[in-house]
Amino acid sequence: MASEQVDSSKILPILRRVRKMLLPHYGKVEFRVKKSGRAHDTVTKLDISVEEYYKKELAACYPDIAFVGEENGGDRSARRFWLVDPIDGTSHFIRGMPFCTSQLALIEDGHVAFSVIYDFVYDVLYHAKRGRGAFANGEPIHVSNRPFQGSYLAWETHLERTENMSRFLRLREKCLMFKAGSSGFEFAMVASGKLDGRLCFDSYGKDYDFAPGSLLVEEAGGVVANIGSREYDYRNGNFIAANPLVFKQLTEGPDAIFPIE
């Protein structure tokens, strides 16, 4: 089954139904820190139950496609698999802050073929299929055409490292910096032209954080590439996702902050 045979009219309602599962608990749910011990690594019973819901519903539609979830893992060696993040931005969800989404991607032969990001707080459903464009609640979306100077960029890095801080300060001289703490939300804002780019350098994110949004930005006319390259691997957490003008100005010329090697 190729990605062309995945019917978005079957998949999108699966995500829509998640809203009724999540909103009653928005800002009211108990949580625990994962075994990693990192403060931002939180999980709720809802993360697990929503992931199980996705696994059941997707298997009912496409039983031959494997499933990989943030909470319980799965077979990443499969040629085709769903890659699911049930609640992206769990820490925000717990506290009733609107920077959280539910998202999934279909991986085929090592590439993102189809993706959905659901902003369930504001009920905006973003989706993209490779070669078919990007949409928000069924309407086409496109990245901005603003230049790097004065742009509005999301970022993710470890600022305690000298090289990262140096890059961050150079960025801040030319543009406004934004951090929502939800990959899905930030990617959606880039794809819809509200943000002008998203920069992850020395990132702590995982493949389920990056895969859905990367395709959304590409199909909305943006450029997504790993730092120092013009190619993109969704498993590499160091990347630029931006409108073409911002990408060019970040990577080319004597003042490039992220020059292509």
C-alpha atoms as a PDB file:
ATOM      1  CA  MET A   1       0.000   0.000   0.000  1.00  0.00           C
ATOM      2  CA  ALA A   2       1.570   3.293  -1.062  1.00  0.00           C
ATOM      3  CA  SER A   3       0.899   6.557   0.727  1.00  0.00           C
ATOM      4  CA  GLU A   4      -1.457   7.541  -2.110  1.00  0.00           C
ATOM      5  CA  GLN A   5      -3.754   4.782  -0.891  1.00  0.00           C
ATOM      6  CA  VAL A   6      -3.943   6.157   2.652  1.00  0.00           C
ATOM      7  CA  ASP A   7      -7.289   7.895   2.797  1.00  0.00           C
ATOM      8  CA  SER A   8      -7.123  11.114   4.808  1.00  0.00           C
ATOM      9  CA  SER A   9     -10.911  11.034   5.181  1.00  0.00           C
ATOM     10  CA  LYS A  10     -10.425   7.915   7.330  1.00  0.00           C
ATOM     11  CA  ILE A  11      -7.465   9.212   9.331  1.00  0.00           C
ATOM     12  CA  LEU A  12      -8.526  12.773  10.139  1.00  0.00           C
ATOM     13  CA  PRO A  13     -11.702  11.792  12.040  1.00  0.00           C
ATOM     14  CA  ILE A  14      -9.580   9.531  14.252  1.00  0.00           C
ATOM     15  CA  LEU A  15      -7.688  12.598  15.429  1.00  0.00           C
ATOM     16  CA  ARG A  16     -10.810  14.741  15.708  1.00  0.00           C
ATOM     17  CA  ARG A  17     -12.249  12.295  18.223  1.00  0.00           C
ATOM     18  CA  VAL A  18      -9.227  12.759  20.478  1.00  0.00           C
ATOM     19  CA  ARG A  19     -10.522  16.217  21.450  1.00  0.00           C
ATOM     20  CA  LYS A  20     -13.355  14.719  23.494  1.00  0.00           C
ATOM     21  CA  MET A  21     -10.850  12.489  25.266  1.00  0.00           C
ATOM     22  CA  LEU A  22      -8.460  15.313  26.138  1.00  0.00           C
ATOM     23  CA  LEU A  23     -10.320  18.572  26.747  1.00  0.00           C
ATOM     24  CA  PRO A  24     -12.156  17.457  29.926  1.00  0.00           C
ATOM     25  CA  HIS A  25      -8.719  16.890  31.501  1.00  0.00           C
ATOM     26  CA  TYR A  26      -6.982  19.987  30.119  1.00  0.00           C
ATOM     27  CA  GLY A  27      -5.204  21.687  33.032  1.00  0.00           C
ATOM     28  CA  LYS A  28      -6.592  19.160  35.532  1.00  0.00           C
ATOM     29  CA  VAL A  29      -4.595  15.961  35.102  1.00  0.00           C
ATOM     30  CA  GLU A  30      -2.113  14.184  37.373  1.00  0.00           C
ATOM     31  CA  PHE A  31       1.315  13.376  35.955  1.00  0.00           C
ATOM     32  CA  ARG A  32       4.640  11.752  36.731  1.00  0.00           C
ATOM     33  CA  VAL A  33       8.189  12.277  35.484  1.00  0.00           C
ATOM     34  CA  LYS A  34       9.486   9.547  33.165  1.00  0.00           C
ATOM     35  CA  LYS A  35      12.379   7.264  34.093  1.00  0.00           C
ATOM     36  CA  SER A  36      14.816   9.652  32.396  1.00  0.00           C
ATOM     37  CA  GLY A  37      14.322  11.984  35.365  1.00  0.00           C
ATOM     38  CA  ARG A  38      14.372  15.097  33.158  1.00  0.00           C
ATOM     39  CA  ALA A  39      11.860  17.717  34.234  1.00  0.00           C
ATOM     40  CA  HIS A  40      10.393  18.100  30.728  1.00  0.00           C
ATOM     41  CA  ASP A  41       9.879  14.327  30.381  1.00  0.00           C
ATOM     42  CA  THR A  42       6.396  14.008  31.852  1.00  0.00           C
ATOM     43  CA  VAL A  43       3.715  11.459  31.113  1.00  0.00           C
ATOM     44  CA  THR A  44       0.062  11.105  32.083  1.00  0.00           C
ATOM     45  CA  LYS A  45      -2.361   8.213  31.933  1.00  0.00           C
ATOM     46  CA  LEU A  46      -3.965  10.107  29.059  1.00  0.00           C
ATOM     47  CA  ASP A  47      -0.771   9.916  26.978  1.00  0.00           C
ATOM     48  CA  ILE A  48      -0.929   6.158  27.285  1.00  0.00           C
ATOM     49  CA  SER A  49      -4.682   5.788  26.712  1.00  0.00           C
ATOM     50  CA  VAL A  50      -4.651   8.095  23.667  1.00  0.00           C
ATOM     51  CA  GLU A  51      -1.727   6.178  22.213  1.00  0.00           C
ATOM     52  CA  GLU A  52      -3.614   2.904  22.695  1.00  0.00           C
ATOM     53  CA  TYR A  53      -6.662   4.481  21.036  1.00  0.00           C
ATOM     54  CA  TYR A  54      -4.587   5.465  17.992  1.00  0.00           C
ATOM     55  CA  LYS A  55      -3.059   2.015  17.771  1.00  0.00           C
ATOM     56  CA  LYS A  56      -6.483   0.355  17.757  1.00  0.00           C
ATOM     57  CA  GLU A  57      -8.125   2.780  15.312  1.00  0.00           C
ATOM     58  CA  LEU A  58      -5.235   2.872  12.828  1.00  0.00           C
ATOM     59  CA  ALA A  59      -4.950  -0.922  12.847  1.00  0.00           C
ATOM     60  CA  ALA A  60      -8.664  -1.169  12.065  1.00  0.00           C
ATOM     61  CA  CYS A  61      -8.158   1.010   8.972  1.00  0.00           C
ATOM     62  CA  TYR A  62      -4.743  -0.258   7.858  1.00  0.00           C
ATOM     63  CA  PRO A  63      -3.821  -3.536   9.575  1.00  0.00           C
ATOM     64  CA  ASP A  64      -0.671  -4.017   7.482  1.00  0.00           C
ATOM     65  CA  ILE A  65       0.990  -0.790   8.680  1.00  0.00           C
ATOM     66  CA  ALA A  66       3.094  -1.122  11.848  1.00  0.00           C
ATOM     67  CA  PHE A  67       2.732   1.216  14.822  1.00  0.00           C
ATOM     68  CA  VAL A  68       5.328   3.118  16.858  1.00  0.00           C
ATOM     69  CA  GLY A  69       4.246   5.307  19.771  1.00  0.00           C
ATOM     70  CA  GLU A  70       6.133   7.661  22.046  1.00  0.00           C
ATOM     71  CA  GLU A  71       5.089   5.848  25.196  1.00  0.00           C
ATOM     72  CA  ASN A  72       5.243   2.162  24.240  1.00  0.00           C
ATOM     73  CA  GLY A  73       7.546   2.132  21.208  1.00  0.00           C
ATOM     74  CA  GLY A  74       7.213  -0.331  18.336  1.00  0.00           C
ATOM     75  CA  ASP A  75       9.048  -1.632  15.279  1.00  0.00           C
ATOM     76  CA  ARG A  76      10.977   1.201  13.632  1.00  0.00           C
ATOM     77  CA  SER A  77      12.584  -1.296  11.244  1.00  0.00           C
ATOM     78  CA  ALA A  78       9.261  -1.859   9.442  1.00  0.00           C
ATOM     79  CA  ARG A  79       9.088  -0.508   5.893  1.00  0.00           C
ATOM     80  CA  ARG A  80       5.897   1.339   6.771  1.00  0.00           C
ATOM     81  CA  PHE A  81       4.786   2.459  10.195  1.00  0.00           C
ATOM     82  CA  TRP A  82       2.729   5.070  11.962  1.00  0.00           C
ATOM     83  CA  LEU A  83       4.835   7.270  14.238  1.00  0.00           C
ATOM     84  CA  VAL A  84       2.625   8.758  16.956  1.00  0.00           C
ATOM     85  CA  ASP A  85       3.003  11.383  19.674  1.00  0.00           C
ATOM     86  CA  PRO A  86      -0.312  11.272  21.581  1.00  0.00           C
ATOM     87  CA  ILE A  87       0.236  14.570  23.436  1.00  0.00           C
ATOM     88  CA  ASP A  88       3.044  16.784  22.217  1.00  0.00           C
ATOM     89  CA  GLY A  89       3.585  19.379  24.921  1.00  0.00           C
ATOM     90  CA  THR A  90       2.376  17.303  27.852  1.00  0.00           C
ATOM     91  CA  SER A  91       3.798  19.767  30.388  1.00  0.00           C
ATOM     92  CA  HIS A  92       1.669  22.537  28.876  1.00  0.00           C
ATOM     93  CA  PHE A  93      -1.410  20.312  28.713  1.00  0.00           C
ATOM     94  CA  ILE A  94      -1.056  19.499  32.407  1.00  0.00           C
ATOM     95  CA  ARG A  95      -0.999  23.196  33.283  1.00  0.00           C
ATOM     96  CA  GLY A  96      -3.784  24.279  30.931  1.00  0.00           C
ATOM     97  CA  MET A  97      -1.497  26.143  28.523  1.00  0.00           C
ATOM     98  CA  PRO A  98      -2.520  26.005  24.837  1.00  0.00           C
ATOM     99  CA  PHE A  99       0.844  24.956  23.363  1.00  0.00           C
ATOM    100  CA  CYS A 100       0.030  21.281  22.884  1.00  0.00           C
ATOM    101  CA  THR A 101      -1.019  19.051  20.004  1.00  0.00           C
ATOM    102  CA  SER A 102      -1.640  15.434  19.097  1.00  0.00           C
ATOM    103  CA  GLN A 103       0.257  14.250  16.040  1.00  0.00           C
ATOM    104  CA  LEU A 104       1.218  11.363  13.826  1.00  0.00           C
ATOM    105  CA  ALA A 105       3.204  10.618  10.693  1.00  0.00           C
ATOM    106  CA  LEU A 106       3.236   7.755   8.229  1.00  0.00           C
ATOM    107  CA  ILE A 107       6.811   6.654   7.547  1.00  0.00           C
ATOM    108  CA  GLU A 108       7.459   4.831   4.264  1.00  0.00           C
ATOM    109  CA  ASP A 109      10.928   3.586   3.334  1.00  0.00           C
ATOM    110  CA  GLY A 110      12.581   6.026   5.716  1.00  0.00           C
ATOM    111  CA  HIS A 111      10.643   9.106   4.601  1.00  0.00           C
ATOM    112  CA  VAL A 112       7.587  10.951   5.912  1.00  0.00           C
ATOM    113  CA  ALA A 113       4.730  10.315   3.474  1.00  0.00           C
ATOM    114  CA  PHE A 114       1.692  11.647   5.345  1.00  0.00           C
ATOM    115  CA  SER A 115       1.230  13.599   8.551  1.00  0.00           C
ATOM    116  CA  VAL A 116      -1.373  15.139  10.826  1.00  0.00           C
ATOM    117  CA  ILE A 117      -1.005  17.670  13.636  1.00  0.00           C
ATOM    118  CA  TYR A 118      -4.130  18.369  15.670  1.00  0.00           C
ATOM    119  CA  ASP A 119      -4.304  21.536  17.748  1.00  0.00           C
ATOM    120  CA  PHE A 120      -7.103  20.123  19.865  1.00  0.00           C
ATOM    121  CA  VAL A 121      -7.354  23.184  22.126  1.00  0.00           C
ATOM    122  CA  TYR A 122      -8.344  25.473  19.241  1.00  0.00           C
ATOM    123  CA  ASP A 123      -9.753  22.643  17.097  1.00  0.00           C
ATOM    124  CA  VAL A 124      -7.446  23.183  14.110  1.00  0.00           C
ATOM    125  CA  LEU A 125      -6.495  20.048  12.189  1.00  0.00           C
ATOM    126  CA  TYR A 126      -3.387  20.319  10.014  1.00  0.00           C
ATOM    127  CA  HIS A 127      -2.447  17.628   7.537  1.00  0.00           C
ATOM    128  CA  ALA A 128      -0.160  17.013   4.586  1.00  0.00           C
ATOM    129  CA  LYS A 129       0.475  14.277   2.054  1.00  0.00           C
ATOM    130  CA  ARG A 130       3.709  14.292   0.090  1.00  0.00           C
ATOM    131  CA  GLY A 131       3.174  16.051  -3.221  1.00  0.00           C
ATOM    132  CA  ARG A 132      -0.387  17.095  -2.349  1.00  0.00           C
ATOM    133  CA  GLY A 133       0.054  20.273  -0.273  1.00  0.00           C
ATOM    134  CA  ALA A 134      -0.632  21.254   3.333  1.00  0.00           C
ATOM    135  CA  PHE A 135      -3.982  22.138   4.887  1.00  0.00           C
ATOM    136  CA  ALA A 136      -5.571  23.524   8.048  1.00  0.00           C
ATOM    137  CA  ASN A 137      -9.181  22.413   8.533  1.00  0.00           C
ATOM    138  CA  GLY A 138      -9.262  21.625   4.820  1.00  0.00           C
ATOM    139  CA  GLU A 139      -7.979  25.009   3.631  1.00  0.00           C
ATOM    140  CA  PRO A 140      -4.562  25.312   1.916  1.00  0.00           C
ATOM    141  CA  ILE A 141      -1.798  26.909   3.975  1.00  0.00           C
ATOM    142  CA  HIS A 142       1.551  28.388   2.966  1.00  0.00           C
ATOM    143  CA  VAL A 143       4.701  29.568   4.681  1.00  0.00           C
ATOM    144  CA  SER A 144       5.450  33.289   4.954  1.00  0.00           C
ATOM    145  CA  ASN A 145       7.679  35.253   2.570  1.00  0.00           C
ATOM    146  CA  ARG A 146       9.324  37.448   5.204  1.00  0.00           C
ATOM    147  CA  PRO A 147      13.146  37.853   5.184  1.00  0.00           C
ATOM    148  CA  PHE A 148      15.459  36.809   8.000  1.00  0.00           C
ATOM    149  CA  GLN A 149      15.932  40.379   9.240  1.00  0.00           C
ATOM    150  CA  GLY A 150      13.008  40.963  11.592  1.00  0.00           C
ATOM    151  CA  SER A 151      11.666  37.426  11.228  1.00  0.00           C
ATOM    152  CA  TYR A 152       9.954  35.491  14.023  1.00  0.00           C
ATOM    153  CA  LEU A 153      11.690  32.165  14.668  1.00  0.00           C
ATOM    154  CA  ALA A 154      11.032  29.272  17.026  1.00  0.00           C
ATOM    155  CA  TRP A 155      14.122  27.678  18.522  1.00  0.00           C
ATOM    156  CA  GLU A 156      15.259  24.646  20.498  1.00  0.00           C
ATOM    157  CA  THR A 157      18.763  24.010  21.824  1.00  0.00           C
ATOM    158  CA  HIS A 158      20.903  23.635  24.953  1.00  0.00           C
ATOM    159  CA  LEU A 159      21.982  27.171  25.808  1.00  0.00           C
ATOM    160  CA  GLU A 160      24.458  26.035  28.461  1.00  0.00           C
ATOM    161  CA  ARG A 161      26.842  25.072  25.644  1.00  0.00           C
ATOM    162  CA  THR A 162      29.041  27.912  24.402  1.00  0.00           C
ATOM    163  CA  GLU A 163      28.614  27.295  20.661  1.00  0.00           C
ATOM    164  CA  ASN A 164      24.837  27.138  20.991  1.00  0.00           C
ATOM    165  CA  MET A 165      24.681  30.340  23.021  1.00  0.00           C
ATOM    166  CA  SER A 166      26.848  32.098  20.435  1.00  0.00           C
ATOM    167  CA  ARG A 167      24.478  31.086  17.629  1.00  0.00           C
ATOM    168  CA  PHE A 168      21.446  32.067  19.673  1.00  0.00           C
ATOM    169  CA  LEU A 169      22.827  35.542  20.366  1.00  0.00           C
ATOM    170  CA  ARG A 170      23.613  36.055  16.688  1.00  0.00           C
ATOM    171  CA  LEU A 171      20.047  35.076  15.831  1.00  0.00           C
ATOM    172  CA  ARG A 172      18.592  37.379  18.441  1.00  0.00           C
ATOM    173  CA  GLU A 173      20.415  40.362  16.948  1.00  0.00           C
ATOM    174  CA  LYS A 174      18.439  40.000  13.706  1.00  0.00           C
ATOM    175  CA  CYS A 175      15.104  38.438  14.607  1.00  0.00           C
ATOM    176  CA  LEU A 176      12.512  37.755  17.287  1.00  0.00           C
ATOM    177  CA  MET A 177      12.823  34.427  19.089  1.00  0.00           C
ATOM    178  CA  PHE A 178       9.869  32.283  20.199  1.00  0.00           C
ATOM    179  CA  LYS A 179       9.653  29.053  22.170  1.00  0.00           C
ATOM    180  CA  ALA A 180       6.350  27.260  22.726  1.00  0.00           C
ATOM    181  CA  GLY A 181       7.798  23.970  23.939  1.00  0.00           C
ATOM    182  CA  SER A 182       5.652  21.968  21.503  1.00  0.00           C
ATOM    183  CA  SER A 183       7.191  20.829  18.232  1.00  0.00           C
ATOM    184  CA  GLY A 184       3.833  20.219  16.603  1.00  0.00           C
ATOM    185  CA  PHE A 185       2.506  23.660  17.505  1.00  0.00           C
ATOM    186  CA  GLU A 186       5.650  25.426  16.282  1.00  0.00           C
ATOM    187  CA  PHE A 187       5.763  23.496  12.994  1.00  0.00           C
ATOM    188  CA  ALA A 188       2.097  24.323  12.396  1.00  0.00           C
ATOM    189  CA  MET A 189       2.783  28.017  12.988  1.00  0.00           C
ATOM    190  CA  VAL A 190       5.634  27.924  10.444  1.00  0.00           C
ATOM    191  CA  ALA A 191       3.529  26.073   7.867  1.00  0.00           C
ATOM    192  CA  SER A 192       0.679  28.564   8.230  1.00  0.00           C
ATOM    193  CA  GLY A 193       2.977  31.595   7.927  1.00  0.00           C
ATOM    194  CA  LYS A 194       2.617  32.876  11.486  1.00  0.00           C
ATOM    195  CA  LEU A 195       6.199  31.973  12.362  1.00  0.00           C
ATOM    196  CA  ASP A 196       8.925  32.310   9.725  1.00  0.00           C
ATOM    197  CA  GLY A 197      11.016  29.330  10.760  1.00  0.00           C
ATOM    198  CA  ARG A 198      11.935  26.754  13.372  1.00  0.00           C
ATOM    199  CA  LEU A 199      15.555  26.066  14.330  1.00  0.00           C
ATOM    200  CA  CYS A 200      16.687  23.009  16.258  1.00  0.00           C
ATOM    201  CA  PHE A 201      20.403  22.789  16.927  1.00  0.00           C
ATOM    202  CA  ASP A 202      21.739  20.351  19.492  1.00  0.00           C
ATOM    203  CA  SER A 203      18.125  19.400  20.169  1.00  0.00           C
ATOM    204  CA  TYR A 204      16.801  16.974  22.769  1.00  0.00           C
ATOM    205  CA  GLY A 205      13.708  16.048  20.720  1.00  0.00           C
ATOM    206  CA  LYS A 206      12.827  12.677  19.194  1.00  0.00           C
ATOM    207  CA  ASP A 207      11.660  11.475  15.783  1.00  0.00           C
ATOM    208  CA  TYR A 208       7.979  11.576  16.786  1.00  0.00           C
ATOM    209  CA  ASP A 209       8.441  15.267  17.635  1.00  0.00           C
ATOM    210  CA  PHE A 210       9.853  16.188  14.230  1.00  0.00           C
ATOM    211  CA  ALA A 211       8.420  13.866  11.576  1.00  0.00           C
ATOM    212  CA  PRO A 212       4.820  15.169  11.355  1.00  0.00           C
ATOM    213  CA  GLY A 213       5.711  18.852  11.217  1.00  0.00           C
ATOM    214  CA  SER A 214       8.593  18.508   8.800  1.00  0.00           C
ATOM    215  CA  LEU A 215       6.305  17.282   6.029  1.00  0.00           C
ATOM    216  CA  LEU A 216       3.701  19.927   6.863  1.00  0.00           C
ATOM    217  CA  VAL A 217       6.264  22.716   6.385  1.00  0.00           C
ATOM    218  CA  GLU A 218       7.645  21.194   3.178  1.00  0.00           C
ATOM    219  CA  GLU A 219       4.198  20.823   1.657  1.00  0.00           C
ATOM    220  CA  ALA A 220       3.363  24.401   2.686  1.00  0.00           C
ATOM    221  CA  GLY A 221       6.236  25.619   0.500  1.00  0.00           C
ATOM    222  CA  GLY A 222       8.956  25.718   3.136  1.00  0.00           C
ATOM    223  CA  VAL A 223      12.432  24.228   3.250  1.00  0.00           C
ATOM    224  CA  VAL A 224      13.430  21.604   5.812  1.00  0.00           C
ATOM    225  CA  ALA A 225      17.047  20.446   5.991  1.00  0.00           C
ATOM    226  CA  ASN A 226      19.462  19.185   8.595  1.00  0.00           C
ATOM    227  CA  ILE A 227      22.031  21.656   9.892  1.00  0.00           C
ATOM    228  CA  GLY A 228      24.939  21.905   7.440  1.00  0.00           C
ATOM    229  CA  SER A 229      23.049  20.087   4.670  1.00  0.00           C
ATOM    230  CA  ARG A 230      20.380  20.508   2.012  1.00  0.00           C
ATOM    231  CA  GLU A 231      18.967  17.062   2.811  1.00  0.00           C
ATOM    232  CA  TYR A 232      16.636  16.071   5.619  1.00  0.00           C
ATOM    233  CA  ASP A 233      16.392  12.980   7.803  1.00  0.00           C
ATOM    234  CA  TYR A 234      13.524  13.164  10.305  1.00  0.00           C
ATOM    235  CA  ARG A 235      15.570  11.084  12.772  1.00  0.00           C
ATOM    236  CA  ASN A 236      18.158  13.875  13.027  1.00  0.00           C
ATOM    237  CA  GLY A 237      17.073  16.513  15.540  1.00  0.00           C
ATOM    238  CA  ASN A 238      19.343  19.246  14.181  1.00  0.00           C
ATOM    239  CA  PHE A 239      17.544  21.096  11.397  1.00  0.00           C
ATOM    240  CA  ILE A 240      16.137  24.285   9.934  1.00  0.00           C
ATOM    241  CA  ALA A 241      12.471  24.434   8.893  1.00  0.00           C
ATOM    242  CA  ALA A 242      11.728  27.823   7.372  1.00  0.00           C
ATOM    243  CA  ASN A 243      10.388  29.797   4.477  1.00  0.00           C
ATOM    244  CA  PRO A 244      12.811  29.702   1.510  1.00  0.00           C
ATOM    245  CA  LEU A 245      14.090  33.243   2.026  1.00  0.00           C
ATOM    246  CA  VAL A 246      14.915  32.760   5.701  1.00  0.00           C
ATOM    247  CA  PHE A 247      16.541  29.402   4.938  1.00  0.00           C
ATOM    248  CA  LYS A 248      18.729  30.954   2.237  1.00  0.00           C
ATOM    249  CA  GLN A 249      19.832  33.825   4.459  1.00  0.00           C
ATOM    250  CA  LEU A 250      20.610  31.495   7.369  1.00  0.00           C
ATOM    251  CA  THR A 251      22.727  29.116   5.295  1.00  0.00           C
ATOM    252  CA  GLU A 252      24.410  31.132   2.518  1.00  0.00           C
ATOM    253  CA  GLY A 253      26.875  34.001   2.372  1.00  0.00           C
ATOM    254  CA  PRO A 254      29.671  35.235   4.652  1.00  0.00           C
ATOM    255  CA  ASP A 255      27.275  35.985   7.523  1.00  0.00           C
ATOM    256  CA  ALA A 256      25.495  32.617   7.451  1.00  0.00           C
ATOM    257  CA  ILE A 257      24.848  31.358  10.973  1.00  0.00           C
ATOM    258  CA  PHE A 258      24.303  27.765   9.794  1.00  0.00           C
ATOM    259  CA  PRO A 259      26.468  27.470   6.645  1.00  0.00           C
ATOM    260  CA  ILE A 260      26.001  24.438   4.428  1.00  0.00           C
ATOM    261  CA  GLU A 261      29.184  22.398   4.351  1.00  0.00           C
END
